[in-house]
Structure formats: structure tokens, C-alpha cells
Amino acid sequence: SGPDRTEIVVAVEPGAGGTVELEVSY
């Protein structure tokens, strides 16, 4: 009933270098 692969596209505009941690819920 679902796809083989799910893709999430997020646009990020960093102000400076560093580590970004994302939490995704669906």
C-alpha cells in the first residue's frame, strides 16, 4: 500500500556553519 521509498525535501538557509538536527513526523 506504500511506496518503496519516501523522500522529504527541506530547504535550509544557514546563517553560519554548524550542525542541523531535523526531526520528521508524518
mmCIF file of all heavy atoms, coordinates in Angstrom:
data_MODEL
# 
_entry.id   MODEL 
# 
loop_
_atom_site.group_PDB 
_atom_site.id 
_atom_site.type_symbol 
_atom_site.label_atom_id 
_atom_site.label_alt_id 
_atom_site.label_comp_id 
_atom_site.label_asym_id 
_atom_site.label_entity_id 
_atom_site.label_seq_id 
_atom_site.pdbx_PDB_ins_code 
_atom_site.Cartn_x 
_atom_site.Cartn_y 
_atom_site.Cartn_z 
_atom_site.occupancy 
_atom_site.B_iso_or_equiv 
_atom_site.pdbx_formal_charge 
_atom_site.auth_seq_id 
_atom_site.auth_comp_id 
_atom_site.auth_asym_id 
_atom_site.auth_atom_id 
_atom_site.pdbx_PDB_model_num 
ATOM 1   N N   . SER A 1 1  ? 0.813  -1.217 0.000  1.00 0.00 ? 1  SER A N   1 
ATOM 2   C CA  . SER A 1 1  ? 0.000  0.000  0.000  1.00 0.00 ? 1  SER A CA  1 
ATOM 3   C C   . SER A 1 1  ? 0.845  1.264  0.000  1.00 0.00 ? 1  SER A C   1 
ATOM 4   O O   . SER A 1 1  ? 0.322  2.347  -0.193 1.00 0.00 ? 1  SER A O   1 
ATOM 5   C CB  . SER A 1 1  ? -0.914 0.004  1.234  1.00 0.00 ? 1  SER A CB  1 
ATOM 6   O OG  . SER A 1 1  ? -0.141 -0.046 2.410  1.00 0.00 ? 1  SER A OG  1 
ATOM 7   N N   . GLY A 1 2  ? 2.157  1.163  0.246  1.00 0.00 ? 2  GLY A N   1 
ATOM 8   C CA  . GLY A 1 2  ? 3.007  2.339  0.309  1.00 0.00 ? 2  GLY A CA  1 
ATOM 9   C C   . GLY A 1 2  ? 4.142  2.251  -0.685 1.00 0.00 ? 2  GLY A C   1 
ATOM 10  O O   . GLY A 1 2  ? 4.415  1.222  -1.270 1.00 0.00 ? 2  GLY A O   1 
ATOM 11  N N   . PRO A 1 3  ? 4.873  3.318  -0.903 1.00 0.00 ? 3  PRO A N   1 
ATOM 12  C CA  . PRO A 1 3  ? 5.974  3.313  -1.871 1.00 0.00 ? 3  PRO A CA  1 
ATOM 13  C C   . PRO A 1 3  ? 7.207  2.609  -1.304 1.00 0.00 ? 3  PRO A C   1 
ATOM 14  O O   . PRO A 1 3  ? 7.332  2.397  -0.104 1.00 0.00 ? 3  PRO A O   1 
ATOM 15  C CB  . PRO A 1 3  ? 6.237  4.800  -2.085 1.00 0.00 ? 3  PRO A CB  1 
ATOM 16  C CG  . PRO A 1 3  ? 5.823  5.433  -0.793 1.00 0.00 ? 3  PRO A CG  1 
ATOM 17  C CD  . PRO A 1 3  ? 4.663  4.634  -0.292 1.00 0.00 ? 3  PRO A CD  1 
ATOM 18  N N   . ASP A 1 4  ? 8.143  2.233  -2.223 1.00 0.00 ? 4  ASP A N   1 
ATOM 19  C CA  . ASP A 1 4  ? 9.399  1.641  -1.781 1.00 0.00 ? 4  ASP A CA  1 
ATOM 20  C C   . ASP A 1 4  ? 10.259 2.676  -1.055 1.00 0.00 ? 4  ASP A C   1 
ATOM 21  O O   . ASP A 1 4  ? 11.045 2.350  -0.176 1.00 0.00 ? 4  ASP A O   1 
ATOM 22  C CB  . ASP A 1 4  ? 10.177 1.080  -2.980 1.00 0.00 ? 4  ASP A CB  1 
ATOM 23  C CG  . ASP A 1 4  ? 9.556  -0.206 -3.505 1.00 0.00 ? 4  ASP A CG  1 
ATOM 24  O OD1 . ASP A 1 4  ? 8.875  -0.898 -2.726 1.00 0.00 ? 4  ASP A OD1 1 
ATOM 25  O OD2 . ASP A 1 4  ? 9.740  -0.487 -4.678 1.00 0.00 ? 4  ASP A OD2 1 
ATOM 26  N N   . ARG A 1 5  ? 10.115 3.899  -1.444 1.00 0.00 ? 5  ARG A N   1 
ATOM 27  C CA  . ARG A 1 5  ? 10.983 4.931  -0.899 1.00 0.00 ? 5  ARG A CA  1 
ATOM 28  C C   . ARG A 1 5  ? 10.174 6.200  -0.671 1.00 0.00 ? 5  ARG A C   1 
ATOM 29  O O   . ARG A 1 5  ? 9.335  6.571  -1.479 1.00 0.00 ? 5  ARG A O   1 
ATOM 30  C CB  . ARG A 1 5  ? 12.136 5.206  -1.863 1.00 0.00 ? 5  ARG A CB  1 
ATOM 31  C CG  . ARG A 1 5  ? 13.085 6.296  -1.402 1.00 0.00 ? 5  ARG A CG  1 
ATOM 32  C CD  . ARG A 1 5  ? 14.206 6.472  -2.406 1.00 0.00 ? 5  ARG A CD  1 
ATOM 33  N NE  . ARG A 1 5  ? 15.098 7.556  -2.042 1.00 0.00 ? 5  ARG A NE  1 
ATOM 34  C CZ  . ARG A 1 5  ? 16.123 7.956  -2.781 1.00 0.00 ? 5  ARG A CZ  1 
ATOM 35  N NH1 . ARG A 1 5  ? 16.372 7.342  -3.926 1.00 0.00 ? 5  ARG A NH1 1 
ATOM 36  N NH2 . ARG A 1 5  ? 16.885 8.950  -2.386 1.00 0.00 ? 5  ARG A NH2 1 
ATOM 37  N N   . THR A 1 6  ? 10.425 6.846  0.472  1.00 0.00 ? 6  THR A N   1 
ATOM 38  C CA  . THR A 1 6  ? 9.783  8.119  0.779  1.00 0.00 ? 6  THR A CA  1 
ATOM 39  C C   . THR A 1 6  ? 10.865 9.185  0.872  1.00 0.00 ? 6  THR A C   1 
ATOM 40  O O   . THR A 1 6  ? 11.878 8.988  1.554  1.00 0.00 ? 6  THR A O   1 
ATOM 41  C CB  . THR A 1 6  ? 9.005  8.040  2.105  1.00 0.00 ? 6  THR A CB  1 
ATOM 42  O OG1 . THR A 1 6  ? 8.027  7.020  2.004  1.00 0.00 ? 6  THR A OG1 1 
ATOM 43  C CG2 . THR A 1 6  ? 8.331  9.367  2.407  1.00 0.00 ? 6  THR A CG2 1 
ATOM 44  N N   . GLU A 1 7  ? 10.662 10.280 0.191  1.00 0.00 ? 7  GLU A N   1 
ATOM 45  C CA  . GLU A 1 7  ? 11.663 11.342 0.154  1.00 0.00 ? 7  GLU A CA  1 
ATOM 46  C C   . GLU A 1 7  ? 11.087 12.617 0.751  1.00 0.00 ? 7  GLU A C   1 
ATOM 47  O O   . GLU A 1 7  ? 9.942  12.993 0.476  1.00 0.00 ? 7  GLU A O   1 
ATOM 48  C CB  . GLU A 1 7  ? 12.107 11.591 -1.289 1.00 0.00 ? 7  GLU A CB  1 
ATOM 49  C CG  . GLU A 1 7  ? 13.199 12.655 -1.416 1.00 0.00 ? 7  GLU A CG  1 
ATOM 50  C CD  . GLU A 1 7  ? 13.636 12.837 -2.859 1.00 0.00 ? 7  GLU A CD  1 
ATOM 51  O OE1 . GLU A 1 7  ? 14.441 12.016 -3.350 1.00 0.00 ? 7  GLU A OE1 1 
ATOM 52  O OE2 . GLU A 1 7  ? 13.130 13.785 -3.491 1.00 0.00 ? 7  GLU A OE2 1 
ATOM 53  N N   . ILE A 1 8  ? 11.855 13.262 1.605  1.00 0.00 ? 8  ILE A N   1 
ATOM 54  C CA  . ILE A 1 8  ? 11.464 14.532 2.215  1.00 0.00 ? 8  ILE A CA  1 
ATOM 55  C C   . ILE A 1 8  ? 12.491 15.578 1.801  1.00 0.00 ? 8  ILE A C   1 
ATOM 56  O O   . ILE A 1 8  ? 13.706 15.387 1.977  1.00 0.00 ? 8  ILE A O   1 
ATOM 57  C CB  . ILE A 1 8  ? 11.402 14.424 3.744  1.00 0.00 ? 8  ILE A CB  1 
ATOM 58  C CG1 . ILE A 1 8  ? 10.365 13.378 4.163  1.00 0.00 ? 8  ILE A CG1 1 
ATOM 59  C CG2 . ILE A 1 8  ? 11.082 15.779 4.366  1.00 0.00 ? 8  ILE A CG2 1 
ATOM 60  C CD1 . ILE A 1 8  ? 10.327 13.125 5.642  1.00 0.00 ? 8  ILE A CD1 1 
ATOM 61  N N   . VAL A 1 9  ? 12.030 16.672 1.222  1.00 0.00 ? 9  VAL A N   1 
ATOM 62  C CA  . VAL A 1 9  ? 12.908 17.748 0.759  1.00 0.00 ? 9  VAL A CA  1 
ATOM 63  C C   . VAL A 1 9  ? 12.745 18.937 1.696  1.00 0.00 ? 9  VAL A C   1 
ATOM 64  O O   . VAL A 1 9  ? 11.620 19.426 1.910  1.00 0.00 ? 9  VAL A O   1 
ATOM 65  C CB  . VAL A 1 9  ? 12.577 18.144 -0.694 1.00 0.00 ? 9  VAL A CB  1 
ATOM 66  C CG1 . VAL A 1 9  ? 13.478 19.291 -1.143 1.00 0.00 ? 9  VAL A CG1 1 
ATOM 67  C CG2 . VAL A 1 9  ? 12.724 16.937 -1.619 1.00 0.00 ? 9  VAL A CG2 1 
ATOM 68  N N   . VAL A 1 10 ? 13.823 19.394 2.291  1.00 0.00 ? 10 VAL A N   1 
ATOM 69  C CA  . VAL A 1 10 ? 13.811 20.518 3.227  1.00 0.00 ? 10 VAL A CA  1 
ATOM 70  C C   . VAL A 1 10 ? 14.786 21.580 2.715  1.00 0.00 ? 10 VAL A C   1 
ATOM 71  O O   . VAL A 1 10 ? 15.954 21.275 2.430  1.00 0.00 ? 10 VAL A O   1 
ATOM 72  C CB  . VAL A 1 10 ? 14.208 20.071 4.644  1.00 0.00 ? 10 VAL A CB  1 
ATOM 73  C CG1 . VAL A 1 10 ? 14.203 21.265 5.592  1.00 0.00 ? 10 VAL A CG1 1 
ATOM 74  C CG2 . VAL A 1 10 ? 13.288 18.973 5.136  1.00 0.00 ? 10 VAL A CG2 1 
ATOM 75  N N   . ALA A 1 11 ? 14.316 22.802 2.589  1.00 0.00 ? 11 ALA A N   1 
ATOM 76  C CA  . ALA A 1 11 ? 15.182 23.928 2.181  1.00 0.00 ? 11 ALA A CA  1 
ATOM 77  C C   . ALA A 1 11 ? 15.753 24.587 3.423  1.00 0.00 ? 11 ALA A C   1 
ATOM 78  O O   . ALA A 1 11 ? 15.014 24.992 4.318  1.00 0.00 ? 11 ALA A O   1 
ATOM 79  C CB  . ALA A 1 11 ? 14.385 24.929 1.359  1.00 0.00 ? 11 ALA A CB  1 
ATOM 80  N N   . VAL A 1 12 ? 17.067 24.648 3.515  1.00 0.00 ? 12 VAL A N   1 
ATOM 81  C CA  . VAL A 1 12 ? 17.745 25.221 4.682  1.00 0.00 ? 12 VAL A CA  1 
ATOM 82  C C   . VAL A 1 12 ? 18.613 26.389 4.226  1.00 0.00 ? 12 VAL A C   1 
ATOM 83  O O   . VAL A 1 12 ? 19.373 26.276 3.261  1.00 0.00 ? 12 VAL A O   1 
ATOM 84  C CB  . VAL A 1 12 ? 18.620 24.152 5.390  1.00 0.00 ? 12 VAL A CB  1 
ATOM 85  C CG1 . VAL A 1 12 ? 19.350 24.781 6.567  1.00 0.00 ? 12 VAL A CG1 1 
ATOM 86  C CG2 . VAL A 1 12 ? 17.766 22.977 5.829  1.00 0.00 ? 12 VAL A CG2 1 
ATOM 87  N N   . GLU A 1 13 ? 18.469 27.504 4.921  1.00 0.00 ? 13 GLU A N   1 
ATOM 88  C CA  . GLU A 1 13 ? 19.292 28.675 4.620  1.00 0.00 ? 13 GLU A CA  1 
ATOM 89  C C   . GLU A 1 13 ? 20.110 29.003 5.866  1.00 0.00 ? 13 GLU A C   1 
ATOM 90  O O   . GLU A 1 13 ? 19.660 29.728 6.755  1.00 0.00 ? 13 GLU A O   1 
ATOM 91  C CB  . GLU A 1 13 ? 18.412 29.861 4.230  1.00 0.00 ? 13 GLU A CB  1 
ATOM 92  C CG  . GLU A 1 13 ? 19.215 31.084 3.789  1.00 0.00 ? 13 GLU A CG  1 
ATOM 93  C CD  . GLU A 1 13 ? 18.311 32.211 3.336  1.00 0.00 ? 13 GLU A CD  1 
ATOM 94  O OE1 . GLU A 1 13 ? 17.093 31.971 3.174  1.00 0.00 ? 13 GLU A OE1 1 
ATOM 95  O OE2 . GLU A 1 13 ? 18.802 33.327 3.156  1.00 0.00 ? 13 GLU A OE2 1 
ATOM 96  N N   . PRO A 1 14 ? 21.301 28.426 5.965  1.00 0.00 ? 14 PRO A N   1 
ATOM 97  C CA  . PRO A 1 14 ? 22.086 28.614 7.191  1.00 0.00 ? 14 PRO A CA  1 
ATOM 98  C C   . PRO A 1 14 ? 22.639 30.029 7.287  1.00 0.00 ? 14 PRO A C   1 
ATOM 99  O O   . PRO A 1 14 ? 23.039 30.632 6.298  1.00 0.00 ? 14 PRO A O   1 
ATOM 100 C CB  . PRO A 1 14 ? 23.205 27.581 7.043  1.00 0.00 ? 14 PRO A CB  1 
ATOM 101 C CG  . PRO A 1 14 ? 23.376 27.441 5.564  1.00 0.00 ? 14 PRO A CG  1 
ATOM 102 C CD  . PRO A 1 14 ? 22.015 27.625 4.968  1.00 0.00 ? 14 PRO A CD  1 
ATOM 103 N N   . GLY A 1 15 ? 22.645 30.559 8.479  1.00 0.00 ? 15 GLY A N   1 
ATOM 104 C CA  . GLY A 1 15 ? 23.255 31.862 8.696  1.00 0.00 ? 15 GLY A CA  1 
ATOM 105 C C   . GLY A 1 15 ? 24.744 31.738 8.907  1.00 0.00 ? 15 GLY A C   1 
ATOM 106 O O   . GLY A 1 15 ? 25.506 32.656 8.631  1.00 0.00 ? 15 GLY A O   1 
ATOM 107 N N   . ALA A 1 16 ? 25.156 30.584 9.419  1.00 0.00 ? 16 ALA A N   1 
ATOM 108 C CA  . ALA A 1 16 ? 26.580 30.327 9.652  1.00 0.00 ? 16 ALA A CA  1 
ATOM 109 C C   . ALA A 1 16 ? 26.770 28.819 9.640  1.00 0.00 ? 16 ALA A C   1 
ATOM 110 O O   . ALA A 1 16 ? 25.807 28.043 9.653  1.00 0.00 ? 16 ALA A O   1 
ATOM 111 C CB  . ALA A 1 16 ? 27.013 30.928 10.988 1.00 0.00 ? 16 ALA A CB  1 
ATOM 112 N N   . GLY A 1 17 ? 27.997 28.386 9.617  1.00 0.00 ? 17 GLY A N   1 
ATOM 113 C CA  . GLY A 1 17 ? 28.280 26.964 9.618  1.00 0.00 ? 17 GLY A CA  1 
ATOM 114 C C   . GLY A 1 17 ? 27.878 26.320 10.939 1.00 0.00 ? 17 GLY A C   1 
ATOM 115 O O   . GLY A 1 17 ? 27.837 26.972 11.982 1.00 0.00 ? 17 GLY A O   1 
ATOM 116 N N   . GLY A 1 18 ? 27.576 25.046 10.914 1.00 0.00 ? 18 GLY A N   1 
ATOM 117 C CA  . GLY A 1 18 ? 27.182 24.346 12.128 1.00 0.00 ? 18 GLY A CA  1 
ATOM 118 C C   . GLY A 1 18 ? 26.454 23.059 11.805 1.00 0.00 ? 18 GLY A C   1 
ATOM 119 O O   . GLY A 1 18 ? 26.349 22.645 10.647 1.00 0.00 ? 18 GLY A O   1 
ATOM 120 N N   . THR A 1 19 ? 25.915 22.422 12.837 1.00 0.00 ? 19 THR A N   1 
ATOM 121 C CA  . THR A 1 19 ? 25.192 21.155 12.699 1.00 0.00 ? 19 THR A CA  1 
ATOM 122 C C   . THR A 1 19 ? 23.699 21.412 12.811 1.00 0.00 ? 19 THR A C   1 
ATOM 123 O O   . THR A 1 19 ? 23.257 22.145 13.713 1.00 0.00 ? 19 THR A O   1 
ATOM 124 C CB  . THR A 1 19 ? 25.629 20.152 13.779 1.00 0.00 ? 19 THR A CB  1 
ATOM 125 O OG1 . THR A 1 19 ? 27.038 19.929 13.659 1.00 0.00 ? 19 THR A OG1 1 
ATOM 126 C CG2 . THR A 1 19 ? 24.894 18.829 13.612 1.00 0.00 ? 19 THR A CG2 1 
ATOM 127 N N   . VAL A 1 20 ? 22.959 20.827 11.923 1.00 0.00 ? 20 VAL A N   1 
ATOM 128 C CA  . VAL A 1 20 ? 21.497 20.966 11.923 1.00 0.00 ? 20 VAL A CA  1 
ATOM 129 C C   . VAL A 1 20 ? 20.876 19.604 12.246 1.00 0.00 ? 20 VAL A C   1 
ATOM 130 O O   . VAL A 1 20 ? 21.217 18.591 11.612 1.00 0.00 ? 20 VAL A O   1 
ATOM 131 C CB  . VAL A 1 20 ? 20.983 21.472 10.561 1.00 0.00 ? 20 VAL A CB  1 
ATOM 132 C CG1 . VAL A 1 20 ? 19.462 21.526 10.567 1.00 0.00 ? 20 VAL A CG1 1 
ATOM 133 C CG2 . VAL A 1 20 ? 21.569 22.835 10.258 1.00 0.00 ? 20 VAL A CG2 1 
ATOM 134 N N   . GLU A 1 21 ? 20.003 19.567 13.223 1.00 0.00 ? 21 GLU A N   1 
ATOM 135 C CA  . GLU A 1 21 ? 19.310 18.337 13.587 1.00 0.00 ? 21 GLU A CA  1 
ATOM 136 C C   . GLU A 1 21 ? 17.838 18.487 13.230 1.00 0.00 ? 21 GLU A C   1 
ATOM 137 O O   . GLU A 1 21 ? 17.189 19.443 13.676 1.00 0.00 ? 21 GLU A O   1 
ATOM 138 C CB  . GLU A 1 21 ? 19.468 18.039 15.075 1.00 0.00 ? 21 GLU A CB  1 
ATOM 139 C CG  . GLU A 1 21 ? 18.787 16.746 15.505 1.00 0.00 ? 21 GLU A CG  1 
ATOM 140 C CD  . GLU A 1 21 ? 19.019 16.430 16.978 1.00 0.00 ? 21 GLU A CD  1 
ATOM 141 O OE1 . GLU A 1 21 ? 20.012 16.942 17.553 1.00 0.00 ? 21 GLU A OE1 1 
ATOM 142 O OE2 . GLU A 1 21 ? 18.203 15.697 17.546 1.00 0.00 ? 21 GLU A OE2 1 
ATOM 143 N N   . LEU A 1 22 ? 17.320 17.598 12.423 1.00 0.00 ? 22 LEU A N   1 
ATOM 144 C CA  . LEU A 1 22 ? 15.932 17.646 11.971 1.00 0.00 ? 22 LEU A CA  1 
ATOM 145 C C   . LEU A 1 22 ? 15.152 16.476 12.549 1.00 0.00 ? 22 LEU A C   1 
ATOM 146 O O   . LEU A 1 22 ? 15.647 15.339 12.600 1.00 0.00 ? 22 LEU A O   1 
ATOM 147 C CB  . LEU A 1 22 ? 15.868 17.597 10.443 1.00 0.00 ? 22 LEU A CB  1 
ATOM 148 C CG  . LEU A 1 22 ? 16.552 18.732 9.684  1.00 0.00 ? 22 LEU A CG  1 
ATOM 149 C CD1 . LEU A 1 22 ? 16.441 18.498 8.183  1.00 0.00 ? 22 LEU A CD1 1 
ATOM 150 C CD2 . LEU A 1 22 ? 15.950 20.078 10.062 1.00 0.00 ? 22 LEU A CD2 1 
ATOM 151 N N   . GLU A 1 23 ? 13.928 16.740 12.964 1.00 0.00 ? 23 GLU A N   1 
ATOM 152 C CA  . GLU A 1 23 ? 13.009 15.688 13.427 1.00 0.00 ? 23 GLU A CA  1 
ATOM 153 C C   . GLU A 1 23 ? 11.797 15.705 12.513 1.00 0.00 ? 23 GLU A C   1 
ATOM 154 O O   . GLU A 1 23 ? 11.143 16.735 12.355 1.00 0.00 ? 23 GLU A O   1 
ATOM 155 C CB  . GLU A 1 23 ? 12.590 15.931 14.878 1.00 0.00 ? 23 GLU A CB  1 
ATOM 156 C CG  . GLU A 1 23 ? 11.638 14.870 15.395 1.00 0.00 ? 23 GLU A CG  1 
ATOM 157 C CD  . GLU A 1 23 ? 11.280 15.085 16.861 1.00 0.00 ? 23 GLU A CD  1 
ATOM 158 O OE1 . GLU A 1 23 ? 12.163 15.549 17.624 1.00 0.00 ? 23 GLU A OE1 1 
ATOM 159 O OE2 . GLU A 1 23 ? 10.121 14.817 17.218 1.00 0.00 ? 23 GLU A OE2 1 
ATOM 160 N N   . VAL A 1 24 ? 11.509 14.573 11.910 1.00 0.00 ? 24 VAL A N   1 
ATOM 161 C CA  . VAL A 1 24 ? 10.446 14.477 10.920 1.00 0.00 ? 24 VAL A CA  1 
ATOM 162 C C   . VAL A 1 24 ? 9.327  13.586 11.468 1.00 0.00 ? 24 VAL A C   1 
ATOM 163 O O   . VAL A 1 24 ? 9.585  12.510 12.008 1.00 0.00 ? 24 VAL A O   1 
ATOM 164 C CB  . VAL A 1 24 ? 10.974 13.888 9.591  1.00 0.00 ? 24 VAL A CB  1 
ATOM 165 C CG1 . VAL A 1 24 ? 9.842  13.748 8.586  1.00 0.00 ? 24 VAL A CG1 1 
ATOM 166 C CG2 . VAL A 1 24 ? 12.087 14.760 9.040  1.00 0.00 ? 24 VAL A CG2 1 
ATOM 167 N N   . SER A 1 25 ? 8.116  14.055 11.352 1.00 0.00 ? 25 SER A N   1 
ATOM 168 C CA  . SER A 1 25 ? 6.953  13.237 11.727 1.00 0.00 ? 25 SER A CA  1 
ATOM 169 C C   . SER A 1 25 ? 5.955  13.262 10.582 1.00 0.00 ? 25 SER A C   1 
ATOM 170 O O   . SER A 1 25 ? 5.808  14.270 9.891  1.00 0.00 ? 25 SER A O   1 
ATOM 171 C CB  . SER A 1 25 ? 6.304  13.765 13.017 1.00 0.00 ? 25 SER A CB  1 
ATOM 172 O OG  . SER A 1 25 ? 5.814  15.073 12.821 1.00 0.00 ? 25 SER A OG  1 
ATOM 173 N N   . TYR A 1 26 ? 5.283  12.137 10.371 1.00 0.00 ? 26 TYR A N   1 
ATOM 174 C CA  . TYR A 1 26 ? 4.311  12.046 9.292  1.00 0.00 ? 26 TYR A CA  1 
ATOM 175 C C   . TYR A 1 26 ? 3.307  10.953 9.620  1.00 0.00 ? 26 TYR A C   1 
ATOM 176 O O   . TYR A 1 26 ? 3.552  10.088 10.478 1.00 0.00 ? 26 TYR A O   1 
ATOM 177 C CB  . TYR A 1 26 ? 4.994  11.762 7.949  1.00 0.00 ? 26 TYR A CB  1 
ATOM 178 C CG  . TYR A 1 26 ? 5.872  10.527 7.933  1.00 0.00 ? 26 TYR A CG  1 
ATOM 179 C CD1 . TYR A 1 26 ? 5.378  9.306  7.498  1.00 0.00 ? 26 TYR A CD1 1 
ATOM 180 C CD2 . TYR A 1 26 ? 7.203  10.616 8.344  1.00 0.00 ? 26 TYR A CD2 1 
ATOM 181 C CE1 . TYR A 1 26 ? 6.195  8.175  7.488  1.00 0.00 ? 26 TYR A CE1 1 
ATOM 182 C CE2 . TYR A 1 26 ? 8.019  9.499  8.326  1.00 0.00 ? 26 TYR A CE2 1 
ATOM 183 C CZ  . TYR A 1 26 ? 7.513  8.270  7.897  1.00 0.00 ? 26 TYR A CZ  1 
ATOM 184 O OH  . TYR A 1 26 ? 8.299  7.160  7.891  1.00 0.00 ? 26 TYR A OH  1 
# 
